């Protein structure tokens, strides 16, 4: 990708700053409403993303009718718009206000196990899909629980990246550059820290393994499995989904995953990756209209298989 000029960087920043500035001065409900309105316009304008969502839903839910899949695709756009509105409110959020819009609903057995792991000094990988409001999940975790470190690839616009980092780190969260992050990530986990990772996107064959995802092989990052195995950390899939009936987000979780350790490194990595991917899929199936279907999750194919997408 060609390096952006200073003029392009500044122009992009001005647009983003203006949008966030406008939404920020609105009351929360109005900001979320504006985000939803924008998302519904973009659903009709961004035909490549709309087609990608349609194809993904055909793959994942072949038993649904076209109108049912269309409803899920629109829901995915709505989710992104709702998320935009919520993020715009981060600068004026307080721990008290955050506690009113998100409920960390862990079942008692999982919560007890989590607290036991923390007392033992074991590291924890909070693995979230691009579902619901993953930004609020990390933001609220710091406000309500404790700050965490999170892996993120810096944006290609440094001004927007600085703005994003300031929003994410208001309550003490710490970013780790995803590029060459292994050393820092291992140090945090071995010291009993918490590391947030988004690990539900298409991976390059050099960085992933093929595991089932909605019944279709999907190239999935082995990073979480390798980090857990090397640091004796556990993996907990967590997501924060919007529950309309309650008027707030609910943080839901999958099973706590212990990394495999049979001595066969390659098999252990594949098995652990398959296990956390299955947990992610289960979370998505609970609220399929809130996952990021616009992403080409199955783009990388096993050797010899044709492109699964009909769009470029």
Protein backbone atom coordinates (compact mmCIF):
# COMPACT_ATOMS: atom_id res chain seq x y z
CA UNK A 1 0.00 0.00 0.00
CA UNK A 2 1.35 3.41 -0.98
CA UNK A 3 2.33 5.70 1.87
CA UNK A 4 -0.21 8.41 2.54
CA UNK A 5 0.70 12.03 2.01
CA UNK A 6 0.54 14.50 4.87
CA UNK A 7 -2.41 16.18 3.19
CA UNK A 8 -4.33 12.89 2.96
CA UNK A 9 -3.54 12.02 6.57
CA UNK A 10 -4.76 15.39 7.77
CA UNK A 11 -7.87 15.36 5.57
CA UNK A 12 -8.89 11.94 6.89
CA UNK A 13 -8.28 13.05 10.45
CA UNK A 14 -10.40 16.18 10.03
CA UNK A 15 -13.35 14.10 8.78
CA UNK A 16 -13.07 11.54 11.59
CA UNK A 17 -12.58 14.23 14.22
CA UNK A 18 -15.61 16.13 12.93
CA UNK A 19 -17.84 13.05 12.98
CA UNK A 20 -16.75 12.04 16.48
CA UNK A 21 -16.93 15.62 17.70
CA UNK A 22 -20.50 16.00 16.45
CA UNK A 23 -21.62 12.68 17.92
CA UNK A 24 -19.87 13.39 21.21
CA UNK A 25 -21.88 16.55 21.91
CA UNK A 26 -25.12 14.60 21.48
CA UNK A 27 -26.77 12.70 24.33
CA UNK A 28 -25.89 9.00 24.20
CA UNK A 29 -29.20 7.82 22.76
CA UNK A 30 -29.10 10.48 20.06
CA UNK A 31 -25.50 9.60 19.19
CA UNK A 32 -26.39 5.91 18.86
CA UNK A 33 -29.43 6.83 16.78
CA UNK A 34 -27.24 8.91 14.46
CA UNK A 35 -24.80 6.01 14.16
CA UNK A 36 -27.64 3.66 13.24
CA UNK A 37 -28.97 6.13 10.66
CA UNK A 38 -25.53 6.40 9.06
CA UNK A 39 -25.10 2.61 9.02
CA UNK A 40 -28.42 2.13 7.24
CA UNK A 41 -27.39 4.59 4.55
CA UNK A 42 -24.03 2.84 4.14
CA UNK A 43 -25.79 -0.52 3.82
CA UNK A 44 -27.26 0.70 0.54
CA UNK A 45 -24.13 2.58 -0.62
CA UNK A 46 -21.39 0.04 0.14
CA UNK A 47 -22.41 -2.72 -2.26
CA UNK A 48 -19.08 -4.68 -2.01
CA UNK A 49 -19.50 -5.04 1.76
CA UNK A 50 -23.16 -5.87 1.35
CA UNK A 51 -22.33 -8.61 -1.16
CA UNK A 52 -19.58 -9.98 1.08
CA UNK A 53 -22.07 -10.21 3.96
CA UNK A 54 -24.59 -11.94 1.72
CA UNK A 55 -22.05 -14.54 0.59
CA UNK A 56 -20.81 -15.17 4.13
CA UNK A 57 -24.35 -15.73 5.35
CA UNK A 58 -25.01 -18.15 2.48
CA UNK A 59 -21.99 -20.14 3.67
CA UNK A 60 -22.84 -20.04 7.38
CA UNK A 61 -26.63 -20.28 7.22
CA UNK A 62 -27.55 -22.10 4.03
CA UNK A 63 -30.79 -23.24 5.67
CA UNK A 64 -32.13 -19.69 6.04
CA UNK A 65 -34.21 -17.94 3.43
CA UNK A 66 -32.80 -14.97 1.52
CA UNK A 67 -34.99 -12.48 3.46
CA UNK A 68 -33.76 -13.98 6.74
CA UNK A 69 -30.12 -13.64 5.67
CA UNK A 70 -30.78 -10.09 4.48
CA UNK A 71 -32.13 -9.26 7.92
CA UNK A 72 -28.92 -10.55 9.51
CA UNK A 73 -26.79 -8.53 7.07
CA UNK A 74 -28.70 -5.36 7.92
CA UNK A 75 -28.26 -6.20 11.58
CA UNK A 76 -24.51 -6.41 11.11
CA UNK A 77 -24.46 -2.89 9.64
CA UNK A 78 -26.72 -1.65 12.46
CA UNK A 79 -24.29 -3.14 14.97
CA UNK A 80 -21.39 -1.16 13.49
CA UNK A 81 -23.47 2.03 13.55
CA UNK A 82 -24.50 1.46 17.16
CA UNK A 83 -20.86 0.86 18.04
CA UNK A 84 -19.83 4.15 16.39
CA UNK A 85 -22.36 6.05 18.49
CA UNK A 86 -21.23 4.37 21.70
CA UNK A 87 -17.52 4.99 21.06
CA UNK A 88 -18.20 8.69 20.51
CA UNK A 89 -19.36 8.84 24.14
CA UNK A 90 -16.13 7.38 25.60
CA UNK A 91 -14.55 10.78 26.40
CA UNK A 92 -17.33 11.67 28.84
CA UNK A 93 -17.96 8.17 30.23
CA UNK A 94 -17.48 7.37 33.90
CA UNK A 95 -17.27 3.99 35.65
CA UNK A 96 -20.77 4.67 36.99
CA UNK A 97 -22.27 5.47 33.59
CA UNK A 98 -20.56 2.47 32.01
CA UNK A 99 -21.99 0.15 34.66
CA UNK A 100 -25.46 1.22 33.53
CA UNK A 101 -24.96 0.15 29.92
CA UNK A 102 -23.05 -3.14 30.24
CA UNK A 103 -23.58 -6.13 32.50
CA UNK A 104 -20.71 -8.59 32.93
CA UNK A 105 -22.91 -11.65 33.17
CA UNK A 106 -20.52 -14.50 33.99
CA UNK A 107 -22.04 -17.68 35.35
CA UNK A 108 -20.99 -18.42 38.97
CA UNK A 109 -18.83 -21.46 38.10
CA UNK A 110 -16.89 -19.58 35.42
CA UNK A 111 -16.49 -16.54 37.65
CA UNK A 112 -15.18 -18.70 40.49
CA UNK A 113 -12.73 -20.40 38.14
CA UNK A 114 -11.61 -17.04 36.74
CA UNK A 115 -10.97 -15.68 40.24
CA UNK A 116 -9.07 -18.86 41.13
CA UNK A 117 -6.85 -18.44 38.05
CA UNK A 118 -6.15 -14.82 38.97
CA UNK A 119 -5.17 -15.84 42.53
CA UNK A 120 -2.86 -18.50 41.08
CA UNK A 121 -1.13 -15.79 39.05
CA UNK A 122 -1.95 -17.37 35.70
CA UNK A 123 -2.31 -15.15 32.66
CA UNK A 124 -5.65 -14.80 30.90
CA UNK A 125 -6.30 -14.19 27.22
CA UNK A 126 -9.65 -12.47 26.69
CA UNK A 127 -10.47 -13.52 23.15
CA UNK A 128 -13.23 -11.50 21.53
CA UNK A 129 -14.78 -11.81 18.09
CA UNK A 130 -15.69 -8.72 16.06
CA UNK A 131 -19.15 -8.95 17.47
CA UNK A 132 -21.43 -6.70 19.46
CA UNK A 133 -19.34 -3.86 20.84
CA UNK A 134 -15.83 -5.21 21.23
CA UNK A 135 -14.47 -1.71 21.86
CA UNK A 136 -16.87 -1.19 24.77
CA UNK A 137 -15.96 -4.62 26.13
CA UNK A 138 -12.29 -3.68 26.57
CA UNK A 139 -13.11 -0.13 27.67
CA UNK A 140 -15.61 -1.29 30.29
CA UNK A 141 -13.34 -4.10 31.51
CA UNK A 142 -10.79 -1.49 32.54
CA UNK A 143 -13.42 0.70 34.19
CA UNK A 144 -15.25 -2.09 36.03
CA UNK A 145 -12.59 -4.77 36.56
CA UNK A 146 -8.95 -3.89 35.88
CA UNK A 147 -6.90 -2.48 32.99
CA UNK A 148 -5.77 -4.95 30.37
CA UNK A 149 -3.24 -4.99 27.56
CA UNK A 150 -4.59 -5.49 24.07
CA UNK A 151 -3.05 -6.44 20.75
CA UNK A 152 -3.80 -4.06 17.88
CA UNK A 153 -2.25 -3.29 14.53
CA UNK A 154 -1.70 0.51 14.33
CA UNK A 155 -3.86 2.33 11.81
CA UNK A 156 -2.13 3.68 8.70
CA UNK A 157 -3.13 7.21 9.72
CA UNK A 158 -1.05 8.22 12.78
CA UNK A 159 -3.40 11.06 13.75
CA UNK A 160 -6.44 8.78 13.80
CA UNK A 161 -4.36 6.14 15.57
CA UNK A 162 -3.50 8.62 18.34
CA UNK A 163 -7.17 9.53 18.68
CA UNK A 164 -8.15 5.85 18.89
CA UNK A 165 -5.50 5.05 21.51
CA UNK A 166 -6.60 7.97 23.69
CA UNK A 167 -10.17 6.67 23.64
CA UNK A 168 -9.23 3.07 24.40
CA UNK A 169 -6.79 3.85 27.21
CA UNK A 170 -8.82 6.31 29.32
CA UNK A 171 -9.09 3.83 32.18
CA UNK A 172 -5.58 2.41 31.97
CA UNK A 173 -5.66 -0.11 29.13
CA UNK A 174 -2.32 -0.57 27.34
CA UNK A 175 -1.91 -1.10 23.58
CA UNK A 176 0.63 -3.55 22.19
CA UNK A 177 1.65 -3.23 18.56
CA UNK A 178 0.51 -6.47 16.94
CA UNK A 179 3.64 -6.53 14.79
CA UNK A 180 6.48 -8.25 16.64
CA UNK A 181 4.38 -8.38 19.81
CA UNK A 182 5.29 -11.88 20.99
CA UNK A 183 7.89 -10.86 23.58
CA UNK A 184 5.71 -8.23 25.26
CA UNK A 185 2.63 -10.45 25.16
CA UNK A 186 4.45 -13.38 26.76
CA UNK A 187 5.89 -11.16 29.48
CA UNK A 188 2.42 -9.89 30.38
CA UNK A 189 0.87 -13.36 30.48
CA UNK A 190 3.74 -14.95 32.40
CA UNK A 191 3.38 -12.20 34.98
CA UNK A 192 -0.28 -13.10 35.42
CA UNK A 193 -1.65 -10.25 33.33
CA UNK A 194 -4.67 -10.04 31.03
CA UNK A 195 -4.30 -9.78 27.27
CA UNK A 196 -7.13 -8.89 24.89
CA UNK A 197 -7.05 -10.36 21.37
CA UNK A 198 -9.45 -10.20 18.42
CA UNK A 199 -8.98 -13.52 16.62
CA UNK A 200 -11.88 -14.20 14.29
CA UNK A 201 -10.63 -12.80 10.97
CA UNK A 202 -9.11 -14.44 7.92
CA UNK A 203 -5.43 -15.29 8.43
CA UNK A 204 -2.52 -15.76 6.04
CA UNK A 205 -1.45 -19.42 5.73
CA UNK A 206 1.91 -18.59 7.33
CA UNK A 207 0.13 -17.25 10.42
CA UNK A 208 -2.76 -19.66 10.76
CA UNK A 209 -4.20 -23.14 10.46
CA UNK A 210 -7.43 -24.33 8.85
CA UNK A 211 -10.09 -25.20 11.42
CA UNK A 212 -13.86 -25.63 11.07
CA UNK A 213 -15.91 -22.45 11.26
CA UNK A 214 -19.62 -22.89 10.52
CA UNK A 215 -18.67 -26.22 8.98
CA UNK A 216 -16.21 -24.75 6.47
CA UNK A 217 -12.40 -24.73 6.87
CA UNK A 218 -11.27 -21.22 7.80
CA UNK A 219 -7.66 -20.08 8.10
CA UNK A 220 -7.41 -18.90 11.69
CA UNK A 221 -4.58 -17.19 13.56
CA UNK A 222 -2.55 -19.52 15.77
CA UNK A 223 -1.37 -16.57 17.87
CA UNK A 224 -3.70 -17.09 20.86
CA UNK A 225 -2.92 -20.81 21.03
CA UNK A 226 0.84 -20.29 20.84
CA UNK A 227 0.80 -17.53 23.46
CA UNK A 228 -1.32 -19.63 25.82
CA UNK A 229 0.87 -22.70 25.37
CA UNK A 230 4.13 -20.81 25.92
CA UNK A 231 2.90 -18.86 28.97
CA UNK A 232 0.55 -21.40 30.59
CA UNK A 233 -2.28 -18.91 30.20
CA UNK A 234 -5.93 -19.76 29.65
CA UNK A 235 -8.21 -18.47 26.89
CA UNK A 236 -11.68 -17.09 27.63
CA UNK A 237 -13.87 -16.14 24.65
CA UNK A 238 -15.96 -13.10 25.63
CA UNK A 239 -18.25 -10.76 23.75
CA UNK A 240 -20.50 -7.80 24.63
CA UNK A 241 -23.80 -7.98 22.75
CA UNK A 242 -26.65 -5.50 22.64
CA UNK A 243 -29.84 -6.81 24.25
CA UNK A 244 -32.74 -4.68 23.02
CA UNK A 245 -35.17 -5.90 25.69
CA UNK A 246 -32.82 -4.77 28.46
CA UNK A 247 -31.59 -1.61 26.75
CA UNK A 248 -27.96 -2.45 27.50
CA UNK A 249 -25.05 -4.70 26.57
CA UNK A 250 -24.45 -8.06 28.18
CA UNK A 251 -20.95 -9.54 28.33
CA UNK A 252 -21.27 -13.25 27.57
CA UNK A 253 -18.55 -15.86 27.57
CA UNK A 254 -17.68 -19.27 26.28
CA UNK A 255 -15.85 -22.03 28.11
CA UNK A 256 -12.46 -21.41 29.70
CA UNK A 257 -9.93 -23.10 27.43
CA UNK A 258 -6.78 -24.74 28.75
CA UNK A 259 -4.11 -24.93 26.02
CA UNK A 260 -3.30 -28.44 24.83
CA UNK A 261 0.02 -29.83 26.00
CA UNK A 262 0.52 -33.36 24.65
CA UNK A 263 4.05 -32.75 23.42
CA UNK A 264 3.00 -32.64 19.75
CA UNK A 265 3.32 -28.90 19.21
CA UNK A 266 1.72 -28.77 15.78
CA UNK A 267 -1.26 -30.89 16.84
CA UNK A 268 -1.65 -28.95 20.09
CA UNK A 269 -1.73 -25.61 18.28
CA UNK A 270 -4.32 -26.87 15.80
CA UNK A 271 -6.50 -28.42 18.52
CA UNK A 272 -6.42 -25.32 20.74
CA UNK A 273 -7.18 -23.07 17.76
CA UNK A 274 -10.09 -25.29 16.73
CA UNK A 275 -11.42 -25.25 20.29
CA UNK A 276 -11.47 -21.47 20.69
CA UNK A 277 -12.89 -21.06 17.17
CA UNK A 278 -15.75 -23.40 18.05
CA UNK A 279 -16.45 -21.29 21.15
CA UNK A 280 -16.45 -18.12 19.02
CA UNK A 281 -18.87 -19.73 16.58
CA UNK A 282 -21.19 -20.67 19.45
CA UNK A 283 -21.21 -17.05 20.65
CA UNK A 284 -21.96 -15.80 17.14
CA UNK A 285 -24.84 -18.24 16.76
CA UNK A 286 -26.47 -16.72 19.85
CA UNK A 287 -26.59 -13.28 18.19
CA UNK A 288 -25.80 -13.75 14.48
CA UNK A 289 -27.01 -10.26 13.57
CA UNK A 290 -24.19 -8.69 15.59
CA UNK A 291 -21.14 -10.30 13.98
CA UNK A 292 -19.04 -8.53 11.30
CA UNK A 293 -20.33 -10.45 8.26
CA UNK A 294 -18.84 -7.84 5.90
CA UNK A 295 -15.39 -9.41 6.39
CA UNK A 296 -14.30 -12.16 3.94
CA UNK A 297 -13.69 -14.73 6.65
CA UNK A 298 -13.11 -17.64 4.25
CA UNK A 299 -10.94 -15.81 1.72
CA UNK A 300 -7.81 -17.94 2.29
CA UNK A 301 -8.49 -21.43 0.99
CA UNK A 302 -6.68 -24.74 1.45
CA UNK A 303 -4.29 -25.57 -1.42
CA UNK A 304 -6.19 -26.50 -4.57
CA UNK A 305 -9.53 -25.07 -3.48
CA UNK A 306 -11.11 -22.30 -5.60
CA UNK A 307 -11.98 -18.85 -4.33
CA UNK A 308 -15.10 -19.22 -2.23
CA UNK A 309 -16.28 -15.70 -3.04
CA UNK A 310 -17.95 -14.67 -6.25
CA UNK A 311 -16.84 -11.06 -5.82
CA UNK A 312 -13.43 -9.51 -6.22
